[in-house]
Amino acid sequence: MSTANPAKGWRVDRIPGKRVTATDDDVRLPLWLLYDGEHRADTVFRLSPAEAEQLHAELCYALGEGEAPGLPPGTGTLGLTPGERVGRRALRPTPPPWPRSA
């Protein structure tokens, strides 16, 4: 159990009332930056269409919906092998929430 105060320190929140937008080049998520509960700046989290699709797959997995549509079966959450690069970082293997059959 964490005793950290969520109102202290840096926090990133979605901007209420502003929707995610998409173009051919990127997907944009408007965000607020807050420090100790006070607004410091508005910013935009930009993803390429491929990165947005990968995030969608991870969110589906995290919410218990299994693998996102369009992923090859049995290839994990993003259809990548552990250590394969996604954007700027290497993907860490995420075990499925169910036991794998031998």
N, C-alpha and C. Protein backbone atom coordinates (compact mmCIF):
# COMPACT_ATOMS: atom_id res chain seq x y z
N MET A 1 0.83 -1.17 0.00
CA MET A 1 0.00 0.00 0.00
C MET A 1 0.89 1.25 0.00
N SER A 2 0.58 2.16 -0.90
CA SER A 2 1.36 3.38 -1.01
C SER A 2 0.79 4.46 -0.10
N THR A 3 1.66 5.20 0.54
CA THR A 3 1.22 6.31 1.38
C THR A 3 1.53 7.64 0.71
N ALA A 4 1.94 7.61 -0.55
CA ALA A 4 2.28 8.84 -1.27
C ALA A 4 1.03 9.69 -1.46
N ASN A 5 1.19 10.99 -1.37
CA ASN A 5 0.10 11.93 -1.59
C ASN A 5 0.04 12.26 -3.08
N PRO A 6 -1.06 11.89 -3.78
CA PRO A 6 -1.12 12.15 -5.22
C PRO A 6 -1.18 13.63 -5.57
N ALA A 7 -1.47 14.49 -4.59
CA ALA A 7 -1.51 15.92 -4.86
C ALA A 7 -0.12 16.56 -4.78
N LYS A 8 0.88 15.81 -4.35
CA LYS A 8 2.24 16.34 -4.22
C LYS A 8 3.09 15.88 -5.39
N GLY A 9 4.00 16.73 -5.81
CA GLY A 9 4.91 16.39 -6.90
C GLY A 9 4.27 16.59 -8.28
N TRP A 10 4.94 16.08 -9.29
CA TRP A 10 4.48 16.22 -10.67
C TRP A 10 3.37 15.24 -10.98
N ARG A 11 2.43 15.68 -11.77
CA ARG A 11 1.31 14.85 -12.20
C ARG A 11 0.95 15.24 -13.64
N VAL A 12 0.57 14.25 -14.43
CA VAL A 12 0.12 14.47 -15.80
C VAL A 12 -1.32 13.98 -15.88
N ASP A 13 -2.22 14.85 -16.34
CA ASP A 13 -3.64 14.50 -16.47
C ASP A 13 -4.12 14.86 -17.86
N ARG A 14 -5.17 14.15 -18.29
CA ARG A 14 -5.83 14.54 -19.53
C ARG A 14 -6.55 15.85 -19.30
N ILE A 15 -6.69 16.65 -20.35
CA ILE A 15 -7.42 17.91 -20.25
C ILE A 15 -8.91 17.60 -20.44
N PRO A 16 -9.73 17.88 -19.42
CA PRO A 16 -11.16 17.60 -19.56
C PRO A 16 -11.76 18.37 -20.74
N GLY A 17 -12.57 17.69 -21.50
CA GLY A 17 -13.25 18.34 -22.62
C GLY A 17 -12.46 18.38 -23.91
N LYS A 18 -11.17 18.04 -23.88
CA LYS A 18 -10.38 18.01 -25.11
C LYS A 18 -10.21 16.57 -25.55
N ARG A 19 -10.55 16.31 -26.79
CA ARG A 19 -10.52 14.95 -27.31
C ARG A 19 -9.19 14.63 -27.98
N VAL A 20 -8.91 13.35 -28.06
CA VAL A 20 -7.76 12.88 -28.84
C VAL A 20 -8.06 13.17 -30.30
N THR A 21 -7.06 13.67 -31.04
CA THR A 21 -7.23 13.93 -32.47
C THR A 21 -6.21 13.11 -33.25
N ALA A 22 -6.57 12.82 -34.49
CA ALA A 22 -5.68 12.03 -35.34
C ALA A 22 -5.59 12.66 -36.72
N THR A 23 -4.39 12.63 -37.29
CA THR A 23 -4.16 13.02 -38.67
C THR A 23 -3.46 11.86 -39.35
N ASP A 24 -3.07 12.04 -40.59
CA ASP A 24 -2.32 11.00 -41.28
C ASP A 24 -0.95 10.80 -40.66
N ASP A 25 -0.42 11.85 -40.01
CA ASP A 25 0.95 11.82 -39.49
C ASP A 25 1.05 11.43 -38.02
N ASP A 26 0.05 11.80 -37.21
CA ASP A 26 0.17 11.50 -35.78
C ASP A 26 -1.18 11.48 -35.09
N VAL A 27 -1.14 11.00 -33.85
CA VAL A 27 -2.29 11.01 -32.95
C VAL A 27 -1.88 11.88 -31.77
N ARG A 28 -2.75 12.80 -31.37
CA ARG A 28 -2.41 13.77 -30.32
C ARG A 28 -3.36 13.66 -29.14
N LEU A 29 -2.77 13.57 -27.95
CA LEU A 29 -3.52 13.50 -26.70
C LEU A 29 -3.19 14.73 -25.88
N PRO A 30 -4.15 15.67 -25.70
CA PRO A 30 -3.89 16.88 -24.91
C PRO A 30 -3.75 16.55 -23.42
N LEU A 31 -2.73 17.12 -22.78
CA LEU A 31 -2.44 16.84 -21.37
C LEU A 31 -2.16 18.12 -20.60
N TRP A 32 -2.42 18.05 -19.30
CA TRP A 32 -2.03 19.08 -18.35
C TRP A 32 -0.83 18.59 -17.57
N LEU A 33 0.11 19.47 -17.28
CA LEU A 33 1.19 19.19 -16.35
C LEU A 33 0.89 19.98 -15.08
N LEU A 34 0.87 19.26 -13.94
CA LEU A 34 0.60 19.89 -12.66
C LEU A 34 1.74 19.61 -11.70
N TYR A 35 2.00 20.56 -10.82
CA TYR A 35 2.99 20.35 -9.76
C TYR A 35 2.34 20.75 -8.45
N ASP A 36 2.34 19.83 -7.49
CA ASP A 36 1.68 20.02 -6.20
C ASP A 36 0.24 20.50 -6.38
N GLY A 37 -0.44 19.92 -7.38
CA GLY A 37 -1.84 20.22 -7.63
C GLY A 37 -2.10 21.49 -8.41
N GLU A 38 -1.05 22.24 -8.76
CA GLU A 38 -1.22 23.49 -9.50
C GLU A 38 -0.84 23.30 -10.96
N HIS A 39 -1.68 23.85 -11.85
CA HIS A 39 -1.43 23.76 -13.28
C HIS A 39 -0.14 24.48 -13.64
N ARG A 40 0.73 23.82 -14.40
CA ARG A 40 1.99 24.42 -14.84
C ARG A 40 2.01 24.65 -16.34
N ALA A 41 1.42 23.73 -17.11
CA ALA A 41 1.47 23.88 -18.56
C ALA A 41 0.49 22.92 -19.23
N ASP A 42 0.07 23.28 -20.43
CA ASP A 42 -0.64 22.37 -21.32
C ASP A 42 0.39 21.80 -22.27
N THR A 43 0.22 20.55 -22.64
CA THR A 43 1.13 19.93 -23.60
C THR A 43 0.34 18.91 -24.41
N VAL A 44 0.99 18.33 -25.39
CA VAL A 44 0.36 17.32 -26.23
C VAL A 44 1.28 16.12 -26.30
N PHE A 45 0.73 14.94 -26.06
CA PHE A 45 1.47 13.69 -26.22
C PHE A 45 1.21 13.22 -27.64
N ARG A 46 2.26 13.17 -28.46
CA ARG A 46 2.12 12.79 -29.86
C ARG A 46 2.64 11.39 -30.09
N LEU A 47 1.86 10.61 -30.83
CA LEU A 47 2.25 9.25 -31.20
C LEU A 47 2.08 9.10 -32.71
N SER A 48 2.94 8.29 -33.29
CA SER A 48 2.73 7.94 -34.70
C SER A 48 1.52 7.02 -34.74
N PRO A 49 0.90 6.85 -35.92
CA PRO A 49 -0.22 5.91 -36.00
C PRO A 49 0.17 4.50 -35.53
N ALA A 50 1.38 4.06 -35.84
CA ALA A 50 1.83 2.73 -35.40
C ALA A 50 1.97 2.68 -33.88
N GLU A 51 2.51 3.73 -33.26
CA GLU A 51 2.64 3.77 -31.81
C GLU A 51 1.26 3.79 -31.14
N ALA A 52 0.30 4.51 -31.74
CA ALA A 52 -1.06 4.55 -31.19
C ALA A 52 -1.70 3.17 -31.26
N GLU A 53 -1.47 2.44 -32.34
CA GLU A 53 -2.00 1.08 -32.46
C GLU A 53 -1.38 0.17 -31.41
N GLN A 54 -0.09 0.33 -31.16
CA GLN A 54 0.58 -0.48 -30.15
C GLN A 54 0.05 -0.15 -28.76
N LEU A 55 -0.18 1.13 -28.49
CA LEU A 55 -0.74 1.54 -27.20
C LEU A 55 -2.15 0.96 -27.04
N HIS A 56 -2.93 1.00 -28.10
CA HIS A 56 -4.27 0.42 -28.07
C HIS A 56 -4.20 -1.06 -27.70
N ALA A 57 -3.28 -1.78 -28.30
CA ALA A 57 -3.12 -3.21 -28.01
C ALA A 57 -2.76 -3.42 -26.54
N GLU A 58 -1.84 -2.62 -26.02
CA GLU A 58 -1.44 -2.76 -24.62
C GLU A 58 -2.59 -2.44 -23.68
N LEU A 59 -3.38 -1.40 -24.00
CA LEU A 59 -4.52 -1.05 -23.15
C LEU A 59 -5.58 -2.16 -23.16
N CYS A 60 -5.84 -2.73 -24.32
CA CYS A 60 -6.79 -3.85 -24.40
C CYS A 60 -6.30 -5.00 -23.52
N TYR A 61 -5.03 -5.29 -23.59
CA TYR A 61 -4.44 -6.37 -22.79
C TYR A 61 -4.55 -6.05 -21.30
N ALA A 62 -4.21 -4.82 -20.93
CA ALA A 62 -4.23 -4.42 -19.52
C ALA A 62 -5.65 -4.42 -18.95
N LEU A 63 -6.63 -4.14 -19.78
CA LEU A 63 -8.01 -4.11 -19.33
C LEU A 63 -8.68 -5.47 -19.38
N GLY A 64 -7.89 -6.50 -19.69
CA GLY A 64 -8.40 -7.85 -19.64
C GLY A 64 -9.18 -8.28 -20.87
N GLU A 65 -9.00 -7.56 -21.97
CA GLU A 65 -9.71 -7.90 -23.19
C GLU A 65 -8.90 -8.82 -24.08
N GLY A 66 -7.81 -9.38 -23.55
CA GLY A 66 -6.97 -10.27 -24.35
C GLY A 66 -6.15 -9.49 -25.35
N GLU A 67 -5.81 -10.14 -26.43
CA GLU A 67 -5.01 -9.49 -27.47
C GLU A 67 -5.90 -8.60 -28.30
N ALA A 68 -5.39 -7.46 -28.70
CA ALA A 68 -6.16 -6.52 -29.51
C ALA A 68 -6.39 -7.10 -30.90
N PRO A 69 -7.47 -6.71 -31.55
CA PRO A 69 -7.73 -7.19 -32.91
C PRO A 69 -6.57 -6.87 -33.84
N GLY A 70 -6.28 -7.79 -34.72
CA GLY A 70 -5.23 -7.56 -35.71
C GLY A 70 -3.87 -8.09 -35.31
N LEU A 71 -3.71 -8.58 -34.08
CA LEU A 71 -2.42 -9.12 -33.66
C LEU A 71 -2.36 -10.61 -33.99
N PRO A 72 -1.22 -11.07 -34.45
CA PRO A 72 -1.11 -12.51 -34.69
C PRO A 72 -1.28 -13.28 -33.39
N PRO A 73 -2.08 -14.36 -33.37
CA PRO A 73 -2.31 -15.11 -32.13
C PRO A 73 -1.01 -15.65 -31.54
N GLY A 74 -0.91 -15.58 -30.22
CA GLY A 74 0.23 -16.16 -29.53
C GLY A 74 1.52 -15.37 -29.64
N THR A 75 1.44 -14.13 -30.12
CA THR A 75 2.67 -13.36 -30.27
C THR A 75 2.84 -12.32 -29.17
N GLY A 76 2.04 -12.40 -28.14
CA GLY A 76 2.15 -11.43 -27.06
C GLY A 76 1.22 -10.26 -27.31
N THR A 77 1.43 -9.22 -26.54
CA THR A 77 0.49 -8.11 -26.59
C THR A 77 0.69 -7.22 -27.80
N LEU A 78 1.88 -7.14 -28.32
CA LEU A 78 2.13 -6.26 -29.45
C LEU A 78 2.53 -7.00 -30.71
N GLY A 79 2.56 -8.31 -30.66
CA GLY A 79 3.01 -9.04 -31.82
C GLY A 79 4.52 -8.96 -32.01
N LEU A 80 5.23 -8.61 -30.93
CA LEU A 80 6.68 -8.47 -30.98
C LEU A 80 7.31 -9.49 -30.05
N THR A 81 8.53 -9.81 -30.32
CA THR A 81 9.26 -10.71 -29.44
C THR A 81 9.94 -9.89 -28.35
N PRO A 82 10.18 -10.45 -27.15
CA PRO A 82 10.84 -9.69 -26.09
C PRO A 82 12.18 -9.14 -26.58
N GLY A 83 12.43 -7.89 -26.23
CA GLY A 83 13.68 -7.23 -26.63
C GLY A 83 13.57 -6.50 -27.95
N GLU A 84 12.50 -6.76 -28.73
CA GLU A 84 12.32 -6.05 -29.99
C GLU A 84 11.98 -4.61 -29.67
N ARG A 85 12.45 -3.69 -30.46
CA ARG A 85 12.28 -2.28 -30.15
C ARG A 85 10.91 -1.76 -30.56
N VAL A 86 10.33 -0.94 -29.67
CA VAL A 86 9.10 -0.22 -29.94
C VAL A 86 9.41 1.24 -29.71
N GLY A 87 9.43 2.02 -30.76
CA GLY A 87 9.81 3.41 -30.61
C GLY A 87 11.27 3.49 -30.18
N ARG A 88 11.52 4.12 -29.03
CA ARG A 88 12.88 4.31 -28.56
C ARG A 88 13.30 3.32 -27.50
N ARG A 89 12.36 2.49 -27.00
CA ARG A 89 12.69 1.59 -25.90
C ARG A 89 12.47 0.14 -26.30
N ALA A 90 13.22 -0.73 -25.68
CA ALA A 90 13.03 -2.17 -25.91
C ALA A 90 11.82 -2.64 -25.10
N LEU A 91 11.06 -3.53 -25.68
CA LEU A 91 9.88 -4.07 -25.03
C LEU A 91 10.28 -5.11 -24.00
N ARG A 92 9.74 -4.98 -22.80
CA ARG A 92 9.95 -5.99 -21.77
C ARG A 92 8.85 -7.04 -21.91
N PRO A 93 9.20 -8.29 -21.77
CA PRO A 93 8.16 -9.31 -21.90
C PRO A 93 7.13 -9.18 -20.78
N THR A 94 5.86 -9.27 -21.16
CA THR A 94 4.77 -9.19 -20.20
C THR A 94 4.10 -10.55 -20.17
N PRO A 95 4.10 -11.23 -19.03
CA PRO A 95 3.46 -12.55 -18.99
C PRO A 95 1.95 -12.40 -19.11
N PRO A 96 1.30 -13.33 -19.80
CA PRO A 96 -0.16 -13.25 -19.91
C PRO A 96 -0.80 -13.53 -18.54
N PRO A 97 -2.04 -13.10 -18.34
CA PRO A 97 -2.67 -13.32 -17.04
C PRO A 97 -3.17 -14.74 -16.85
N TRP A 98 -3.04 -15.58 -17.86
CA TRP A 98 -3.47 -16.97 -17.77
C TRP A 98 -2.26 -17.88 -17.98
N PRO A 99 -2.31 -19.10 -17.50
CA PRO A 99 -1.16 -20.00 -17.70
C PRO A 99 -1.08 -20.44 -19.17
N ARG A 100 0.14 -20.50 -19.66
CA ARG A 100 0.35 -20.96 -21.03
C ARG A 100 0.37 -22.49 -21.05
N SER A 101 -0.22 -23.05 -22.09
CA SER A 101 -0.18 -24.52 -22.22
C SER A 101 1.14 -24.95 -22.79
N ALA A 102 1.62 -26.11 -22.38
CA ALA A 102 2.93 -26.60 -22.82
C ALA A 102 2.88 -27.18 -24.19
